[in-house]
Amino acid sequence: MAITKETVVDKIEVVGEFKHLQVRTAIIIKENDNEISRSAHRVAYTPGTLNDSDALVATDISGEDATVQAVANAVWTDAVKTAWKNKLIADKP
C-alpha cells in the first residue's frame, strides 16, 4: 500500500484587459495509483506593482511552474505592462 501525493498545475486562466493570471494547483492523494483525495488551491497574479517612484516592479514568477512562466511571459507584453502601470497610477488616491 503506497500512498503518494502529487501537486500539479491543472488550470491557468488569463483574465481581462491587463492579462491577470489565475492559477489553480491540484493536490492529489493516491493509494496504489488510485486517486483517493483531491483538493485545489488558487492564486492570482498581476503584471506587477508600483514602487514609491511609480515605476512598475514586475511580478516575480520565477518560482512558478514552467507553464505558468511561459503563459505570463507570452501575455505580459510591454504594452500590457505599460497599460497596467498607467491604471495603477490613475487609481492612486
Protein backbone atom coordinates (compact mmCIF):
# COMPACT_ATOMS: atom_id res chain seq x y z
CA MET A 1 0.00 0.00 0.00
CA ALA A 2 1.83 3.03 -1.29
CA ILE A 3 0.33 6.42 -0.61
CA THR A 4 1.61 9.25 -2.78
CA LYS A 5 0.97 12.97 -3.03
CA GLU A 6 1.14 14.79 -6.35
CA THR A 7 0.89 18.53 -6.96
CA VAL A 8 0.03 19.71 -10.49
CA VAL A 9 -0.98 22.97 -12.11
CA ASP A 10 -4.27 21.95 -13.68
CA LYS A 11 -5.70 25.29 -14.84
CA ILE A 12 -4.30 28.62 -15.98
CA GLU A 13 -6.71 31.39 -16.90
CA VAL A 14 -5.83 34.74 -18.48
CA VAL A 15 -8.39 37.30 -17.34
CA GLY A 16 -9.23 40.79 -18.51
CA GLU A 17 -7.59 43.67 -20.29
CA PHE A 18 -4.46 43.55 -18.12
CA LYS A 19 -3.98 39.78 -18.51
CA HIS A 20 -4.16 38.80 -14.85
CA LEU A 21 -3.34 35.14 -14.35
CA GLN A 22 -5.41 32.82 -12.22
CA VAL A 23 -3.60 29.58 -11.47
CA ARG A 24 -5.20 26.53 -9.91
CA THR A 25 -2.98 23.86 -8.39
CA ALA A 26 -4.41 20.45 -7.58
CA ILE A 27 -3.10 18.31 -4.73
CA ILE A 28 -3.84 14.67 -5.48
CA ILE A 29 -3.51 11.88 -2.93
CA LYS A 30 -3.26 8.37 -4.35
CA GLU A 31 -3.20 4.94 -2.82
CA ASN A 32 -1.78 2.27 -5.11
CA ASP A 33 -2.20 4.64 -8.07
CA ASN A 34 -5.92 5.12 -7.29
CA GLU A 35 -6.95 8.68 -6.51
CA ILE A 36 -8.47 8.88 -3.03
CA SER A 37 -8.45 12.64 -2.48
CA ARG A 38 -8.14 15.86 -4.46
CA SER A 39 -8.07 19.45 -3.31
CA ALA A 40 -7.23 22.67 -5.07
CA HIS A 41 -5.54 25.95 -4.33
CA ARG A 42 -5.88 29.13 -6.42
CA VAL A 43 -3.61 32.12 -6.71
CA ALA A 44 -3.85 35.22 -8.90
CA TYR A 45 -1.03 37.24 -10.41
CA THR A 46 -0.94 40.75 -11.88
CA PRO A 47 1.80 42.02 -14.18
CA GLY A 48 3.35 43.97 -11.31
CA THR A 49 3.07 46.60 -8.61
CA LEU A 50 4.20 50.20 -8.28
CA ASN A 51 7.17 51.20 -6.18
CA ASP A 52 7.44 54.54 -4.36
CA SER A 53 8.67 56.22 -7.58
CA ASP A 54 5.68 54.92 -9.60
CA ALA A 55 7.88 52.51 -11.53
CA LEU A 56 6.37 49.12 -12.29
CA VAL A 57 8.03 46.28 -10.41
CA ALA A 58 7.35 43.09 -12.37
CA THR A 59 5.71 40.20 -10.52
CA ASP A 60 8.30 37.53 -9.70
CA ILE A 61 7.08 34.27 -11.18
CA SER A 62 10.49 32.57 -11.22
CA GLY A 63 9.38 30.01 -8.63
CA GLU A 64 6.25 29.02 -10.54
CA ASP A 65 5.66 26.05 -12.80
CA ALA A 66 7.33 26.40 -16.23
CA THR A 67 3.94 26.51 -17.94
CA VAL A 68 2.79 29.40 -15.74
CA GLN A 69 6.02 31.25 -16.54
CA ALA A 70 5.56 30.65 -20.27
CA VAL A 71 1.98 31.95 -20.22
CA ALA A 72 2.94 35.03 -18.18
CA ASN A 73 5.85 35.81 -20.47
CA ALA A 74 3.61 35.46 -23.52
CA VAL A 75 0.73 37.66 -22.31
CA TRP A 76 2.53 40.25 -20.19
CA THR A 77 3.83 42.22 -23.15
CA ASP A 78 5.41 45.64 -22.79
CA ALA A 79 2.11 47.19 -23.92
CA VAL A 80 0.16 45.30 -21.25
CA LYS A 81 2.66 46.26 -18.55
CA THR A 82 2.54 49.92 -19.59
CA ALA A 83 -1.27 49.95 -19.59
CA TRP A 84 -1.31 48.24 -16.16
CA LYS A 85 1.21 50.74 -14.76
CA ASN A 86 -0.88 53.67 -16.08
CA LYS A 87 -4.01 52.19 -14.49
CA LEU A 88 -2.28 51.75 -11.13
CA ILE A 89 -1.06 55.36 -11.23
CA ALA A 90 -4.52 56.64 -12.23
CA ASP A 91 -6.15 54.68 -9.40
CA LYS A 92 -3.85 56.07 -6.68
CA PRO A 93 -5.69 58.09 -4.03
